[in-house]
């Protein structure tokens, strides 16, 4: 599994669930039900002081694991990605690519 942080553009349903994304000049469609969870971040290492009332967005990252395809009709293996949404700004970042599900070359 590769871990990094790269900006991505994500189109979402009204519920906030990712539907499509643009990354590295390509357009991907979510092809399976995404999974959402929250992870703690080391806010004390990044912020000097926590503004009053900012706990949930400051402490946790919203993470979505999505399976995407370049073409919704593509029968090949989907690419599995973990996306993080910053709760304050709404910006999205690609944080993990799951190698086990990436196509392998001989």
N, C-alpha and C. Protein backbone atom coordinates (compact mmCIF):
# COMPACT_ATOMS: atom_id res chain seq x y z
N UNK A 1 0.85 -1.17 0.00
CA UNK A 1 0.00 0.00 0.00
C UNK A 1 0.89 1.23 0.00
N UNK A 2 0.62 2.16 -0.93
CA UNK A 2 1.37 3.39 -0.97
C UNK A 2 0.64 4.49 -0.22
N UNK A 3 1.37 5.25 0.62
CA UNK A 3 0.76 6.34 1.36
C UNK A 3 1.40 7.66 0.94
N UNK A 4 0.58 8.66 0.70
CA UNK A 4 1.05 9.99 0.35
C UNK A 4 -0.13 10.94 0.49
N UNK A 5 0.01 12.13 0.06
CA UNK A 5 -1.09 13.10 0.11
C UNK A 5 -1.04 13.94 -1.14
N UNK A 6 -2.09 13.82 -1.95
CA UNK A 6 -2.18 14.56 -3.20
C UNK A 6 -3.60 15.07 -3.36
N UNK A 7 -3.74 16.30 -3.81
CA UNK A 7 -5.06 16.90 -3.99
C UNK A 7 -5.82 16.20 -5.11
N UNK A 8 -7.13 15.96 -4.88
CA UNK A 8 -8.02 15.40 -5.90
C UNK A 8 -9.33 16.19 -5.87
N UNK A 9 -10.00 16.21 -7.01
CA UNK A 9 -11.33 16.83 -7.10
C UNK A 9 -12.36 15.72 -7.01
N UNK A 10 -13.34 15.88 -6.13
CA UNK A 10 -14.34 14.83 -5.90
C UNK A 10 -15.73 15.42 -6.07
N UNK A 11 -16.56 14.73 -6.85
CA UNK A 11 -17.98 15.07 -6.97
C UNK A 11 -18.74 14.13 -6.04
N UNK A 12 -19.64 14.70 -5.25
CA UNK A 12 -20.34 13.92 -4.23
C UNK A 12 -21.85 13.96 -4.42
N UNK A 13 -22.52 12.97 -3.86
CA UNK A 13 -23.98 12.96 -3.75
C UNK A 13 -24.38 13.97 -2.68
N UNK A 14 -25.64 14.28 -2.58
CA UNK A 14 -26.14 15.21 -1.56
C UNK A 14 -25.78 14.73 -0.15
N UNK A 15 -25.65 13.43 0.03
CA UNK A 15 -25.30 12.86 1.34
C UNK A 15 -23.82 13.02 1.67
N UNK A 16 -23.00 13.47 0.71
CA UNK A 16 -21.57 13.62 0.92
C UNK A 16 -20.75 12.45 0.43
N UNK A 17 -21.41 11.43 -0.07
CA UNK A 17 -20.72 10.23 -0.54
C UNK A 17 -20.06 10.49 -1.90
N UNK A 18 -18.77 10.14 -2.04
CA UNK A 18 -18.08 10.35 -3.32
C UNK A 18 -18.72 9.56 -4.46
N UNK A 19 -18.85 10.20 -5.63
CA UNK A 19 -19.40 9.55 -6.82
C UNK A 19 -18.38 9.48 -7.96
N UNK A 20 -17.62 10.57 -8.14
CA UNK A 20 -16.63 10.66 -9.21
C UNK A 20 -15.43 11.42 -8.68
N UNK A 21 -14.26 11.20 -9.30
CA UNK A 21 -13.10 11.98 -8.93
C UNK A 21 -12.20 12.21 -10.13
N UNK A 22 -11.44 13.29 -10.04
CA UNK A 22 -10.45 13.64 -11.05
C UNK A 22 -9.10 13.65 -10.36
N UNK A 23 -8.18 12.84 -10.92
CA UNK A 23 -6.86 12.72 -10.32
C UNK A 23 -5.86 12.41 -11.44
N UNK A 24 -4.75 13.10 -11.42
CA UNK A 24 -3.65 12.89 -12.37
C UNK A 24 -4.13 12.98 -13.82
N UNK A 25 -5.05 13.92 -14.10
CA UNK A 25 -5.52 14.13 -15.45
C UNK A 25 -6.54 13.11 -15.94
N UNK A 26 -6.99 12.23 -15.06
CA UNK A 26 -7.95 11.19 -15.43
C UNK A 26 -9.26 11.39 -14.66
N UNK A 27 -10.35 10.92 -15.25
CA UNK A 27 -11.67 10.97 -14.60
C UNK A 27 -12.07 9.55 -14.21
N UNK A 28 -12.39 9.35 -12.93
CA UNK A 28 -12.75 8.04 -12.40
C UNK A 28 -14.19 8.08 -11.88
N UNK A 29 -14.86 6.93 -11.97
CA UNK A 29 -16.21 6.77 -11.43
C UNK A 29 -16.17 5.74 -10.31
N UNK A 30 -16.82 6.06 -9.19
CA UNK A 30 -16.91 5.11 -8.08
C UNK A 30 -17.80 3.96 -8.54
N UNK A 31 -17.31 2.71 -8.39
CA UNK A 31 -18.02 1.55 -8.93
C UNK A 31 -18.51 0.59 -7.86
N UNK A 32 -18.31 0.90 -6.59
CA UNK A 32 -18.80 0.07 -5.50
C UNK A 32 -19.16 0.98 -4.33
N UNK A 33 -19.94 0.47 -3.41
CA UNK A 33 -20.36 1.26 -2.25
C UNK A 33 -19.12 1.67 -1.44
N UNK A 34 -18.88 2.97 -1.27
CA UNK A 34 -17.72 3.41 -0.49
C UNK A 34 -17.92 3.16 1.01
N UNK A 35 -16.80 3.11 1.71
CA UNK A 35 -16.81 2.92 3.17
C UNK A 35 -16.22 4.16 3.81
N UNK A 36 -16.85 4.66 4.88
CA UNK A 36 -16.37 5.87 5.56
C UNK A 36 -16.03 5.56 7.01
N UNK A 37 -14.95 6.20 7.49
CA UNK A 37 -14.59 6.15 8.90
C UNK A 37 -13.82 7.42 9.24
N UNK A 38 -13.46 7.56 10.50
CA UNK A 38 -12.72 8.74 10.96
C UNK A 38 -11.43 8.29 11.60
N UNK A 39 -10.37 9.05 11.37
CA UNK A 39 -9.06 8.78 11.98
C UNK A 39 -8.62 9.99 12.78
N UNK A 40 -7.95 9.74 13.89
CA UNK A 40 -7.40 10.83 14.69
C UNK A 40 -6.14 11.36 14.02
N UNK A 41 -5.95 12.65 14.12
CA UNK A 41 -4.72 13.24 13.63
C UNK A 41 -3.99 13.90 14.80
N UNK A 42 -2.72 14.15 14.63
CA UNK A 42 -1.92 14.77 15.69
C UNK A 42 -2.05 16.29 15.60
N UNK A 43 -3.23 16.79 15.97
CA UNK A 43 -3.50 18.22 15.82
C UNK A 43 -2.55 19.07 16.66
N UNK A 44 -2.10 18.54 17.79
CA UNK A 44 -1.22 19.30 18.66
C UNK A 44 0.13 19.56 18.01
N UNK A 45 0.51 18.73 17.02
CA UNK A 45 1.77 18.94 16.31
C UNK A 45 1.61 19.96 15.18
N UNK A 46 0.36 20.21 14.75
CA UNK A 46 0.11 21.10 13.62
C UNK A 46 -0.50 22.43 14.04
N UNK A 47 -1.13 22.49 15.19
CA UNK A 47 -1.83 23.70 15.65
C UNK A 47 -1.26 24.13 17.00
N UNK A 48 -1.14 25.42 17.20
CA UNK A 48 -0.67 25.91 18.51
C UNK A 48 -1.81 25.88 19.53
N UNK A 49 -3.01 26.13 19.05
CA UNK A 49 -4.15 26.23 19.95
C UNK A 49 -5.40 25.79 19.19
N UNK A 50 -6.27 25.10 19.88
CA UNK A 50 -7.52 24.66 19.28
C UNK A 50 -8.59 25.73 19.49
N UNK A 51 -9.12 26.30 18.40
CA UNK A 51 -10.19 27.29 18.55
C UNK A 51 -11.41 26.68 19.22
N UNK A 52 -12.07 27.44 20.06
CA UNK A 52 -13.25 26.99 20.77
C UNK A 52 -14.30 26.48 19.79
N UNK A 53 -14.84 25.29 20.06
CA UNK A 53 -15.89 24.71 19.24
C UNK A 53 -15.42 24.02 17.97
N UNK A 54 -14.11 23.82 17.81
CA UNK A 54 -13.60 23.23 16.56
C UNK A 54 -13.18 21.77 16.74
N UNK A 55 -13.55 21.14 17.83
CA UNK A 55 -13.11 19.78 18.14
C UNK A 55 -13.28 18.75 17.04
N UNK A 56 -14.52 18.48 16.56
CA UNK A 56 -14.69 17.40 15.59
C UNK A 56 -13.87 17.57 14.31
N UNK A 57 -13.80 18.75 13.76
CA UNK A 57 -13.03 18.96 12.54
C UNK A 57 -11.54 19.03 12.80
N UNK A 58 -11.15 19.37 14.00
CA UNK A 58 -9.74 19.51 14.33
C UNK A 58 -9.11 18.18 14.69
N UNK A 59 -9.85 17.33 15.37
CA UNK A 59 -9.30 16.09 15.90
C UNK A 59 -9.36 14.95 14.87
N UNK A 60 -10.42 14.88 14.11
CA UNK A 60 -10.64 13.74 13.23
C UNK A 60 -10.53 14.11 11.76
N UNK A 61 -10.06 13.12 10.97
CA UNK A 61 -10.09 13.19 9.51
C UNK A 61 -11.21 12.27 9.05
N UNK A 62 -12.01 12.73 8.12
CA UNK A 62 -13.00 11.86 7.49
C UNK A 62 -12.30 11.13 6.36
N UNK A 63 -12.34 9.80 6.36
CA UNK A 63 -11.68 8.98 5.36
C UNK A 63 -12.74 8.17 4.62
N UNK A 64 -12.61 8.11 3.30
CA UNK A 64 -13.48 7.30 2.47
C UNK A 64 -12.62 6.32 1.68
N UNK A 65 -12.94 5.04 1.72
CA UNK A 65 -12.29 4.04 0.85
C UNK A 65 -13.22 3.83 -0.32
N UNK A 66 -12.71 4.09 -1.51
CA UNK A 66 -13.51 3.98 -2.72
C UNK A 66 -12.85 3.04 -3.72
N UNK A 67 -13.67 2.38 -4.50
CA UNK A 67 -13.19 1.61 -5.64
C UNK A 67 -13.65 2.36 -6.88
N UNK A 68 -12.70 2.63 -7.78
CA UNK A 68 -12.98 3.44 -8.96
C UNK A 68 -12.50 2.75 -10.22
N UNK A 69 -13.12 3.17 -11.32
CA UNK A 69 -12.71 2.72 -12.66
C UNK A 69 -12.62 3.95 -13.56
N UNK A 70 -11.74 3.87 -14.57
CA UNK A 70 -11.66 4.94 -15.56
C UNK A 70 -12.94 4.98 -16.38
N UNK A 71 -13.47 3.84 -16.75
CA UNK A 71 -14.70 3.73 -17.53
C UNK A 71 -15.67 2.89 -16.72
N UNK A 72 -16.87 3.39 -16.45
CA UNK A 72 -17.82 2.62 -15.64
C UNK A 72 -18.14 1.24 -16.21
N UNK A 73 -17.95 1.04 -17.53
CA UNK A 73 -18.23 -0.25 -18.17
C UNK A 73 -17.02 -1.18 -18.16
N UNK A 74 -15.87 -0.70 -17.67
CA UNK A 74 -14.63 -1.48 -17.66
C UNK A 74 -14.80 -2.72 -16.79
N UNK A 75 -14.46 -3.89 -17.32
CA UNK A 75 -14.62 -5.15 -16.58
C UNK A 75 -13.35 -5.52 -15.80
N UNK A 76 -12.28 -4.73 -15.91
CA UNK A 76 -11.04 -5.04 -15.20
C UNK A 76 -11.16 -4.77 -13.71
N UNK A 77 -10.08 -5.05 -12.99
CA UNK A 77 -10.06 -4.82 -11.54
C UNK A 77 -10.16 -3.33 -11.24
N UNK A 78 -11.00 -2.97 -10.27
CA UNK A 78 -11.06 -1.55 -9.90
C UNK A 78 -9.82 -1.14 -9.10
N UNK A 79 -9.57 0.13 -9.06
CA UNK A 79 -8.49 0.70 -8.26
C UNK A 79 -9.09 1.12 -6.92
N UNK A 80 -8.46 0.72 -5.82
CA UNK A 80 -8.95 1.05 -4.49
C UNK A 80 -8.11 2.16 -3.89
N UNK A 81 -8.78 3.25 -3.50
CA UNK A 81 -8.13 4.45 -2.99
C UNK A 81 -8.73 4.85 -1.66
N UNK A 82 -7.92 5.47 -0.80
CA UNK A 82 -8.43 6.11 0.41
C UNK A 82 -8.33 7.61 0.22
N UNK A 83 -9.45 8.29 0.43
CA UNK A 83 -9.55 9.74 0.28
C UNK A 83 -9.84 10.36 1.63
N UNK A 84 -9.24 11.50 1.90
CA UNK A 84 -9.49 12.23 3.14
C UNK A 84 -10.14 13.56 2.79
N UNK A 85 -11.22 13.90 3.52
CA UNK A 85 -11.87 15.19 3.32
C UNK A 85 -11.64 16.05 4.55
N UNK A 86 -11.10 17.25 4.32
CA UNK A 86 -10.91 18.20 5.42
C UNK A 86 -12.27 18.78 5.76
N UNK A 87 -12.71 18.59 6.99
CA UNK A 87 -14.06 18.99 7.36
C UNK A 87 -14.28 20.49 7.32
N UNK A 88 -13.25 21.28 7.58
CA UNK A 88 -13.41 22.73 7.58
C UNK A 88 -13.50 23.32 6.19
N UNK A 89 -12.63 22.89 5.29
CA UNK A 89 -12.56 23.49 3.95
C UNK A 89 -13.31 22.69 2.90
N UNK A 90 -13.56 21.40 3.17
CA UNK A 90 -14.21 20.55 2.18
C UNK A 90 -13.25 20.02 1.12
N UNK A 91 -11.95 20.33 1.25
CA UNK A 91 -10.96 19.86 0.27
C UNK A 91 -10.70 18.37 0.46
N UNK A 92 -10.40 17.72 -0.66
CA UNK A 92 -10.13 16.29 -0.68
C UNK A 92 -8.66 16.03 -0.99
N UNK A 93 -8.11 14.94 -0.37
CA UNK A 93 -6.75 14.50 -0.64
C UNK A 93 -6.75 12.99 -0.83
N UNK A 94 -5.97 12.53 -1.77
CA UNK A 94 -5.73 11.10 -1.93
C UNK A 94 -4.61 10.75 -0.97
N UNK A 95 -4.86 9.80 -0.06
CA UNK A 95 -3.86 9.49 0.96
C UNK A 95 -3.31 8.07 0.85
N UNK A 96 -4.02 7.15 0.19
CA UNK A 96 -3.52 5.78 0.03
C UNK A 96 -3.98 5.18 -1.29
N UNK A 97 -3.09 4.43 -1.90
CA UNK A 97 -3.42 3.59 -3.05
C UNK A 97 -3.12 2.17 -2.61
N UNK A 98 -4.08 1.30 -2.74
CA UNK A 98 -3.91 -0.08 -2.27
C UNK A 98 -3.29 -0.92 -3.38
N UNK A 99 -2.00 -1.26 -3.20
CA UNK A 99 -1.22 -2.00 -4.19
C UNK A 99 -1.80 -3.36 -4.51
N UNK A 100 -2.37 -4.03 -3.55
CA UNK A 100 -2.86 -5.39 -3.75
C UNK A 100 -3.91 -5.44 -4.85
N UNK A 101 -4.58 -4.33 -5.09
CA UNK A 101 -5.66 -4.33 -6.08
C UNK A 101 -5.26 -3.59 -7.36
N UNK A 102 -4.01 -3.17 -7.47
CA UNK A 102 -3.55 -2.54 -8.69
C UNK A 102 -3.14 -3.61 -9.69
N UNK A 103 -3.33 -3.37 -10.99
CA UNK A 103 -2.91 -4.36 -12.00
C UNK A 103 -1.40 -4.61 -11.89
N UNK A 104 -1.01 -5.85 -12.03
CA UNK A 104 0.40 -6.25 -11.95
C UNK A 104 0.93 -6.49 -13.37
N UNK A 105 2.19 -6.14 -13.57
CA UNK A 105 2.84 -6.41 -14.85
C UNK A 105 3.81 -7.56 -14.69
N UNK A 106 4.06 -8.28 -15.75
CA UNK A 106 4.94 -9.46 -15.70
C UNK A 106 6.38 -9.07 -15.69
